[in-house]
N, C-alpha and C. Protein backbone atom coordinates (compact mmCIF):
# COMPACT_ATOMS: atom_id res chain seq x y z
N MET A 1 0.84 -1.16 0.00
CA MET A 1 0.00 0.00 0.00
C MET A 1 0.89 1.23 0.00
N LEU A 2 0.51 2.22 -0.81
CA LEU A 2 1.25 3.48 -0.84
C LEU A 2 0.25 4.61 -0.67
N ILE A 3 0.55 5.52 0.24
CA ILE A 3 -0.27 6.70 0.45
C ILE A 3 0.56 7.91 0.06
N ALA A 4 0.00 8.74 -0.80
CA ALA A 4 0.70 9.95 -1.23
C ALA A 4 -0.18 11.17 -0.99
N ASP A 5 0.29 12.03 -0.13
CA ASP A 5 -0.45 13.25 0.21
C ASP A 5 0.56 14.24 0.77
N ASP A 6 0.37 15.52 0.47
CA ASP A 6 1.30 16.52 0.99
C ASP A 6 0.94 16.94 2.41
N GLU A 7 -0.18 16.47 2.93
CA GLU A 7 -0.56 16.75 4.31
C GLU A 7 -0.11 15.57 5.19
N ALA A 8 0.89 15.82 6.01
CA ALA A 8 1.46 14.76 6.85
C ALA A 8 0.42 14.14 7.77
N ASP A 9 -0.52 14.94 8.28
CA ASP A 9 -1.56 14.41 9.16
C ASP A 9 -2.42 13.37 8.44
N THR A 10 -2.72 13.63 7.18
CA THR A 10 -3.52 12.68 6.40
C THR A 10 -2.75 11.38 6.21
N VAL A 11 -1.49 11.49 5.85
CA VAL A 11 -0.65 10.30 5.66
C VAL A 11 -0.54 9.52 6.96
N ASP A 12 -0.28 10.20 8.06
CA ASP A 12 -0.12 9.54 9.35
C ASP A 12 -1.40 8.84 9.79
N THR A 13 -2.52 9.51 9.66
CA THR A 13 -3.81 8.94 10.08
C THR A 13 -4.16 7.72 9.25
N LEU A 14 -4.06 7.84 7.93
CA LEU A 14 -4.36 6.70 7.06
C LEU A 14 -3.38 5.55 7.29
N SER A 15 -2.12 5.88 7.50
CA SER A 15 -1.12 4.83 7.74
C SER A 15 -1.44 4.03 9.00
N ARG A 16 -1.78 4.73 10.07
CA ARG A 16 -2.13 4.03 11.32
C ARG A 16 -3.36 3.15 11.13
N LEU A 17 -4.36 3.68 10.47
CA LEU A 17 -5.59 2.93 10.23
C LEU A 17 -5.31 1.67 9.41
N LEU A 18 -4.56 1.82 8.34
CA LEU A 18 -4.31 0.69 7.44
C LEU A 18 -3.36 -0.33 8.05
N ARG A 19 -2.38 0.13 8.81
CA ARG A 19 -1.51 -0.82 9.51
C ARG A 19 -2.30 -1.64 10.52
N ALA A 20 -3.24 -1.00 11.20
CA ALA A 20 -4.09 -1.71 12.16
C ALA A 20 -4.94 -2.77 11.46
N GLU A 21 -5.19 -2.58 10.18
CA GLU A 21 -5.96 -3.54 9.39
C GLU A 21 -5.07 -4.59 8.72
N GLY A 22 -3.76 -4.53 9.01
CA GLY A 22 -2.84 -5.53 8.49
C GLY A 22 -2.12 -5.19 7.21
N HIS A 23 -2.24 -3.95 6.74
CA HIS A 23 -1.56 -3.55 5.51
C HIS A 23 -0.13 -3.10 5.80
N ILE A 24 0.75 -3.33 4.86
CA ILE A 24 2.09 -2.76 4.89
C ILE A 24 1.98 -1.44 4.14
N VAL A 25 2.38 -0.36 4.78
CA VAL A 25 2.13 0.97 4.23
C VAL A 25 3.45 1.72 4.01
N HIS A 26 3.56 2.32 2.84
CA HIS A 26 4.66 3.22 2.51
C HIS A 26 4.04 4.58 2.22
N SER A 27 4.82 5.63 2.32
CA SER A 27 4.27 6.96 2.10
C SER A 27 5.14 7.81 1.20
N ALA A 28 4.49 8.79 0.60
CA ALA A 28 5.17 9.79 -0.24
C ALA A 28 4.45 11.11 -0.02
N TYR A 29 5.19 12.21 -0.17
CA TYR A 29 4.61 13.52 0.11
C TYR A 29 4.59 14.44 -1.10
N THR A 30 5.19 14.00 -2.21
CA THR A 30 5.13 14.77 -3.45
C THR A 30 4.84 13.80 -4.60
N GLY A 31 4.32 14.35 -5.67
CA GLY A 31 4.03 13.52 -6.83
C GLY A 31 5.28 12.88 -7.42
N LYS A 32 6.39 13.61 -7.40
CA LYS A 32 7.64 13.07 -7.96
C LYS A 32 8.18 11.88 -7.18
N ASP A 33 7.80 11.76 -5.92
CA ASP A 33 8.26 10.64 -5.10
C ASP A 33 7.46 9.36 -5.32
N VAL A 34 6.29 9.48 -5.92
CA VAL A 34 5.40 8.32 -6.04
C VAL A 34 5.92 7.29 -7.04
N LEU A 35 6.31 7.70 -8.22
CA LEU A 35 6.70 6.73 -9.26
C LEU A 35 7.89 5.87 -8.85
N PRO A 36 8.96 6.44 -8.28
CA PRO A 36 10.04 5.57 -7.81
C PRO A 36 9.57 4.61 -6.70
N ALA A 37 8.71 5.10 -5.81
CA ALA A 37 8.21 4.24 -4.73
C ALA A 37 7.37 3.09 -5.29
N VAL A 38 6.61 3.35 -6.34
CA VAL A 38 5.79 2.30 -6.95
C VAL A 38 6.69 1.23 -7.56
N ARG A 39 7.76 1.65 -8.21
CA ARG A 39 8.69 0.69 -8.82
C ARG A 39 9.40 -0.17 -7.76
N ILE A 40 9.73 0.44 -6.63
CA ILE A 40 10.45 -0.28 -5.57
C ILE A 40 9.52 -1.19 -4.78
N PHE A 41 8.38 -0.67 -4.35
CA PHE A 41 7.52 -1.41 -3.43
C PHE A 41 6.43 -2.25 -4.11
N ARG A 42 6.08 -1.91 -5.36
CA ARG A 42 5.02 -2.63 -6.10
C ARG A 42 3.77 -2.82 -5.24
N PRO A 43 3.17 -1.71 -4.78
CA PRO A 43 2.00 -1.81 -3.90
C PRO A 43 0.77 -2.37 -4.63
N ASP A 44 -0.10 -3.00 -3.87
CA ASP A 44 -1.37 -3.49 -4.41
C ASP A 44 -2.32 -2.33 -4.69
N ALA A 45 -2.20 -1.27 -3.89
CA ALA A 45 -3.08 -0.12 -4.02
C ALA A 45 -2.32 1.16 -3.70
N ILE A 46 -2.78 2.25 -4.32
CA ILE A 46 -2.18 3.56 -4.08
C ILE A 46 -3.31 4.54 -3.82
N ILE A 47 -3.20 5.26 -2.72
CA ILE A 47 -4.14 6.33 -2.40
C ILE A 47 -3.42 7.63 -2.70
N LEU A 48 -3.93 8.40 -3.66
CA LEU A 48 -3.25 9.61 -4.12
C LEU A 48 -4.11 10.85 -3.92
N ASP A 49 -3.55 11.84 -3.28
CA ASP A 49 -4.17 13.16 -3.27
C ASP A 49 -4.03 13.71 -4.69
N VAL A 50 -5.08 14.28 -5.24
CA VAL A 50 -4.97 14.79 -6.61
C VAL A 50 -4.21 16.11 -6.67
N SER A 51 -4.03 16.76 -5.54
CA SER A 51 -3.34 18.06 -5.51
C SER A 51 -1.92 17.95 -4.96
N LEU A 52 -1.19 16.93 -5.35
CA LEU A 52 0.18 16.76 -4.88
C LEU A 52 1.10 17.82 -5.49
N PRO A 53 2.09 18.28 -4.72
CA PRO A 53 3.07 19.21 -5.30
C PRO A 53 4.06 18.47 -6.20
N GLN A 54 4.66 19.21 -7.10
CA GLN A 54 5.71 18.77 -8.03
C GLN A 54 5.19 17.90 -9.17
N MET A 55 4.11 17.18 -8.99
CA MET A 55 3.47 16.38 -10.05
C MET A 55 2.10 16.02 -9.50
N SER A 56 1.05 16.45 -10.18
CA SER A 56 -0.29 16.23 -9.65
C SER A 56 -0.64 14.75 -9.57
N GLY A 57 -1.59 14.44 -8.71
CA GLY A 57 -2.08 13.07 -8.62
C GLY A 57 -2.63 12.58 -9.94
N TYR A 58 -3.23 13.48 -10.71
CA TYR A 58 -3.73 13.11 -12.04
C TYR A 58 -2.58 12.65 -12.95
N ALA A 59 -1.49 13.41 -12.94
CA ALA A 59 -0.34 13.07 -13.78
C ALA A 59 0.31 11.77 -13.30
N VAL A 60 0.37 11.58 -12.00
CA VAL A 60 0.93 10.35 -11.44
C VAL A 60 0.10 9.15 -11.86
N ALA A 61 -1.22 9.26 -11.73
CA ALA A 61 -2.11 8.15 -12.11
C ALA A 61 -1.96 7.81 -13.59
N GLN A 62 -1.87 8.82 -14.42
CA GLN A 62 -1.71 8.58 -15.85
C GLN A 62 -0.39 7.87 -16.14
N ALA A 63 0.67 8.28 -15.47
CA ALA A 63 1.97 7.63 -15.67
C ALA A 63 1.94 6.18 -15.20
N ILE A 64 1.28 5.93 -14.08
CA ILE A 64 1.18 4.55 -13.59
C ILE A 64 0.37 3.70 -14.56
N ARG A 65 -0.71 4.24 -15.04
CA ARG A 65 -1.56 3.51 -16.00
C ARG A 65 -0.76 3.16 -17.26
N GLN A 66 0.08 4.07 -17.72
CA GLN A 66 0.88 3.81 -18.93
C GLN A 66 2.06 2.89 -18.66
N THR A 67 2.62 2.93 -17.46
CA THR A 67 3.78 2.13 -17.12
C THR A 67 3.42 0.69 -16.77
N PHE A 68 2.36 0.53 -16.01
CA PHE A 68 1.97 -0.79 -15.52
C PHE A 68 0.71 -1.24 -16.26
N THR A 69 0.92 -1.86 -17.40
CA THR A 69 -0.22 -2.26 -18.23
C THR A 69 -0.66 -3.69 -17.98
N ASP A 70 0.09 -4.42 -17.17
CA ASP A 70 -0.26 -5.82 -16.90
C ASP A 70 -1.24 -5.91 -15.73
N VAL A 71 -1.57 -7.11 -15.35
CA VAL A 71 -2.53 -7.32 -14.27
C VAL A 71 -1.98 -6.90 -12.91
N ARG A 72 -0.71 -6.60 -12.83
CA ARG A 72 -0.11 -6.18 -11.57
C ARG A 72 -0.23 -4.68 -11.33
N ARG A 73 -0.97 -3.98 -12.16
CA ARG A 73 -1.15 -2.54 -11.95
C ARG A 73 -1.89 -2.33 -10.64
N PRO A 74 -1.40 -1.43 -9.80
CA PRO A 74 -2.06 -1.22 -8.51
C PRO A 74 -3.43 -0.57 -8.66
N LEU A 75 -4.29 -0.84 -7.71
CA LEU A 75 -5.57 -0.16 -7.61
C LEU A 75 -5.27 1.30 -7.31
N LEU A 76 -5.88 2.21 -8.04
CA LEU A 76 -5.61 3.65 -7.86
C LEU A 76 -6.85 4.34 -7.29
N ILE A 77 -6.66 4.93 -6.12
CA ILE A 77 -7.75 5.62 -5.44
C ILE A 77 -7.37 7.09 -5.30
N ALA A 78 -8.17 7.96 -5.91
CA ALA A 78 -7.96 9.41 -5.79
C ALA A 78 -8.66 9.90 -4.53
N MET A 79 -8.03 10.87 -3.89
CA MET A 79 -8.67 11.54 -2.75
C MET A 79 -8.46 13.04 -2.90
N SER A 80 -9.52 13.79 -2.59
CA SER A 80 -9.39 15.24 -2.67
C SER A 80 -10.32 15.91 -1.68
N GLY A 81 -9.82 16.96 -1.08
CA GLY A 81 -10.64 17.78 -0.21
C GLY A 81 -11.10 19.04 -0.91
N VAL A 82 -10.57 19.28 -2.10
CA VAL A 82 -10.88 20.50 -2.85
C VAL A 82 -11.63 20.19 -4.14
N TRP A 83 -11.12 19.28 -4.92
CA TRP A 83 -11.67 18.98 -6.24
C TRP A 83 -12.75 17.91 -6.11
N LYS A 84 -14.01 18.35 -6.03
CA LYS A 84 -15.11 17.45 -5.72
C LYS A 84 -16.22 17.44 -6.77
N ASP A 85 -16.08 18.20 -7.82
CA ASP A 85 -17.13 18.30 -8.83
C ASP A 85 -17.15 17.07 -9.75
N PHE A 86 -18.22 16.95 -10.49
CA PHE A 86 -18.36 15.85 -11.45
C PHE A 86 -17.21 15.86 -12.44
N ALA A 87 -16.83 17.06 -12.91
CA ALA A 87 -15.73 17.17 -13.89
C ALA A 87 -14.42 16.63 -13.31
N ASP A 88 -14.18 16.88 -12.04
CA ASP A 88 -12.96 16.38 -11.39
C ASP A 88 -12.96 14.86 -11.34
N ARG A 89 -14.10 14.29 -11.06
CA ARG A 89 -14.22 12.83 -11.03
C ARG A 89 -14.04 12.25 -12.44
N ARG A 90 -14.56 12.93 -13.41
CA ARG A 90 -14.45 12.48 -14.81
C ARG A 90 -12.99 12.50 -15.25
N ILE A 91 -12.26 13.55 -14.92
CA ILE A 91 -10.84 13.64 -15.25
C ILE A 91 -10.09 12.49 -14.58
N ALA A 92 -10.40 12.25 -13.32
CA ALA A 92 -9.74 11.16 -12.58
C ALA A 92 -9.96 9.83 -13.28
N GLU A 93 -11.16 9.59 -13.73
CA GLU A 93 -11.47 8.35 -14.45
C GLU A 93 -10.67 8.26 -15.75
N GLN A 94 -10.59 9.36 -16.47
CA GLN A 94 -9.89 9.37 -17.75
C GLN A 94 -8.39 9.14 -17.62
N VAL A 95 -7.78 9.61 -16.54
CA VAL A 95 -6.33 9.43 -16.39
C VAL A 95 -5.95 8.11 -15.76
N GLY A 96 -6.94 7.35 -15.27
CA GLY A 96 -6.62 6.02 -14.79
C GLY A 96 -6.99 5.67 -13.37
N PHE A 97 -7.60 6.59 -12.63
CA PHE A 97 -8.03 6.23 -11.28
C PHE A 97 -9.18 5.23 -11.35
N ASP A 98 -9.17 4.30 -10.41
CA ASP A 98 -10.25 3.32 -10.31
C ASP A 98 -11.40 3.84 -9.45
N HIS A 99 -11.06 4.68 -8.47
CA HIS A 99 -12.07 5.20 -7.54
C HIS A 99 -11.70 6.63 -7.15
N TYR A 100 -12.71 7.38 -6.71
CA TYR A 100 -12.51 8.77 -6.31
C TYR A 100 -13.25 9.00 -5.00
N LEU A 101 -12.51 9.38 -3.96
CA LEU A 101 -13.10 9.63 -2.65
C LEU A 101 -12.85 11.08 -2.24
N GLU A 102 -13.83 11.64 -1.54
CA GLU A 102 -13.67 12.97 -1.00
C GLU A 102 -13.11 12.89 0.42
N LYS A 103 -12.26 13.86 0.76
CA LYS A 103 -11.73 13.94 2.12
C LYS A 103 -12.76 14.64 2.99
N PRO A 104 -12.95 14.21 4.20
CA PRO A 104 -12.37 13.00 4.77
C PRO A 104 -13.12 11.78 4.23
N ALA A 105 -12.37 10.77 3.87
CA ALA A 105 -12.96 9.57 3.29
C ALA A 105 -13.65 8.75 4.36
N ASP A 106 -14.72 8.10 3.96
CA ASP A 106 -15.41 7.17 4.84
C ASP A 106 -14.53 5.94 5.03
N THR A 107 -14.19 5.64 6.26
CA THR A 107 -13.27 4.54 6.56
C THR A 107 -13.76 3.21 6.03
N ALA A 108 -15.02 2.91 6.24
CA ALA A 108 -15.57 1.62 5.78
C ALA A 108 -15.50 1.51 4.26
N GLU A 109 -15.80 2.60 3.56
CA GLU A 109 -15.74 2.59 2.10
C GLU A 109 -14.30 2.38 1.62
N LEU A 110 -13.36 3.07 2.24
CA LEU A 110 -11.96 2.93 1.87
C LEU A 110 -11.49 1.49 2.10
N LEU A 111 -11.79 0.93 3.24
CA LEU A 111 -11.37 -0.45 3.53
C LEU A 111 -12.01 -1.44 2.58
N ALA A 112 -13.25 -1.21 2.21
CA ALA A 112 -13.91 -2.10 1.25
C ALA A 112 -13.21 -2.04 -0.10
N LEU A 113 -12.84 -0.86 -0.55
CA LEU A 113 -12.13 -0.72 -1.83
C LEU A 113 -10.77 -1.41 -1.76
N LEU A 114 -10.08 -1.25 -0.67
CA LEU A 114 -8.76 -1.85 -0.52
C LEU A 114 -8.84 -3.37 -0.43
N GLY A 115 -9.94 -3.88 0.05
CA GLY A 115 -10.13 -5.33 0.11
C GLY A 115 -10.13 -5.96 -1.26
N THR A 116 -10.49 -5.20 -2.29
CA THR A 116 -10.48 -5.73 -3.66
C THR A 116 -9.08 -5.77 -4.25
N ALA A 117 -8.13 -5.09 -3.59
CA ALA A 117 -6.76 -5.04 -4.14
C ALA A 117 -5.84 -6.08 -3.59
N LYS A 118 -6.24 -6.80 -2.57
CA LYS A 118 -5.34 -7.80 -1.97
C LYS A 118 -5.07 -8.92 -2.94
N ARG A 119 -3.79 -9.29 -2.98
CA ARG A 119 -3.38 -10.38 -3.89
C ARG A 119 -3.49 -11.70 -3.21
């Protein structure tokens, strides 16, 4: 599991929650840090803030979609506290996100989505 968000509190909170559920969690705080982390850790799922600095979550998702074309492509979950309109969700779908959640995300919904990513 990889969590990428520029808000340390969000990363810390989600990391604690997911570790308590048995997930191995890695974190990134900028968009540029995500792609190398994905290559190294090969996470089953990635939770990405769409407003990451240095490379947006949209650009990261698109790069992952283009790089990992096999069945091992991680589940991509977008999260945003700002971009909540239908158009934002549509863009997320077009660049490769599998799901789009608004912050603060519903814990049960997030865990259910992550349950589909376990290998």
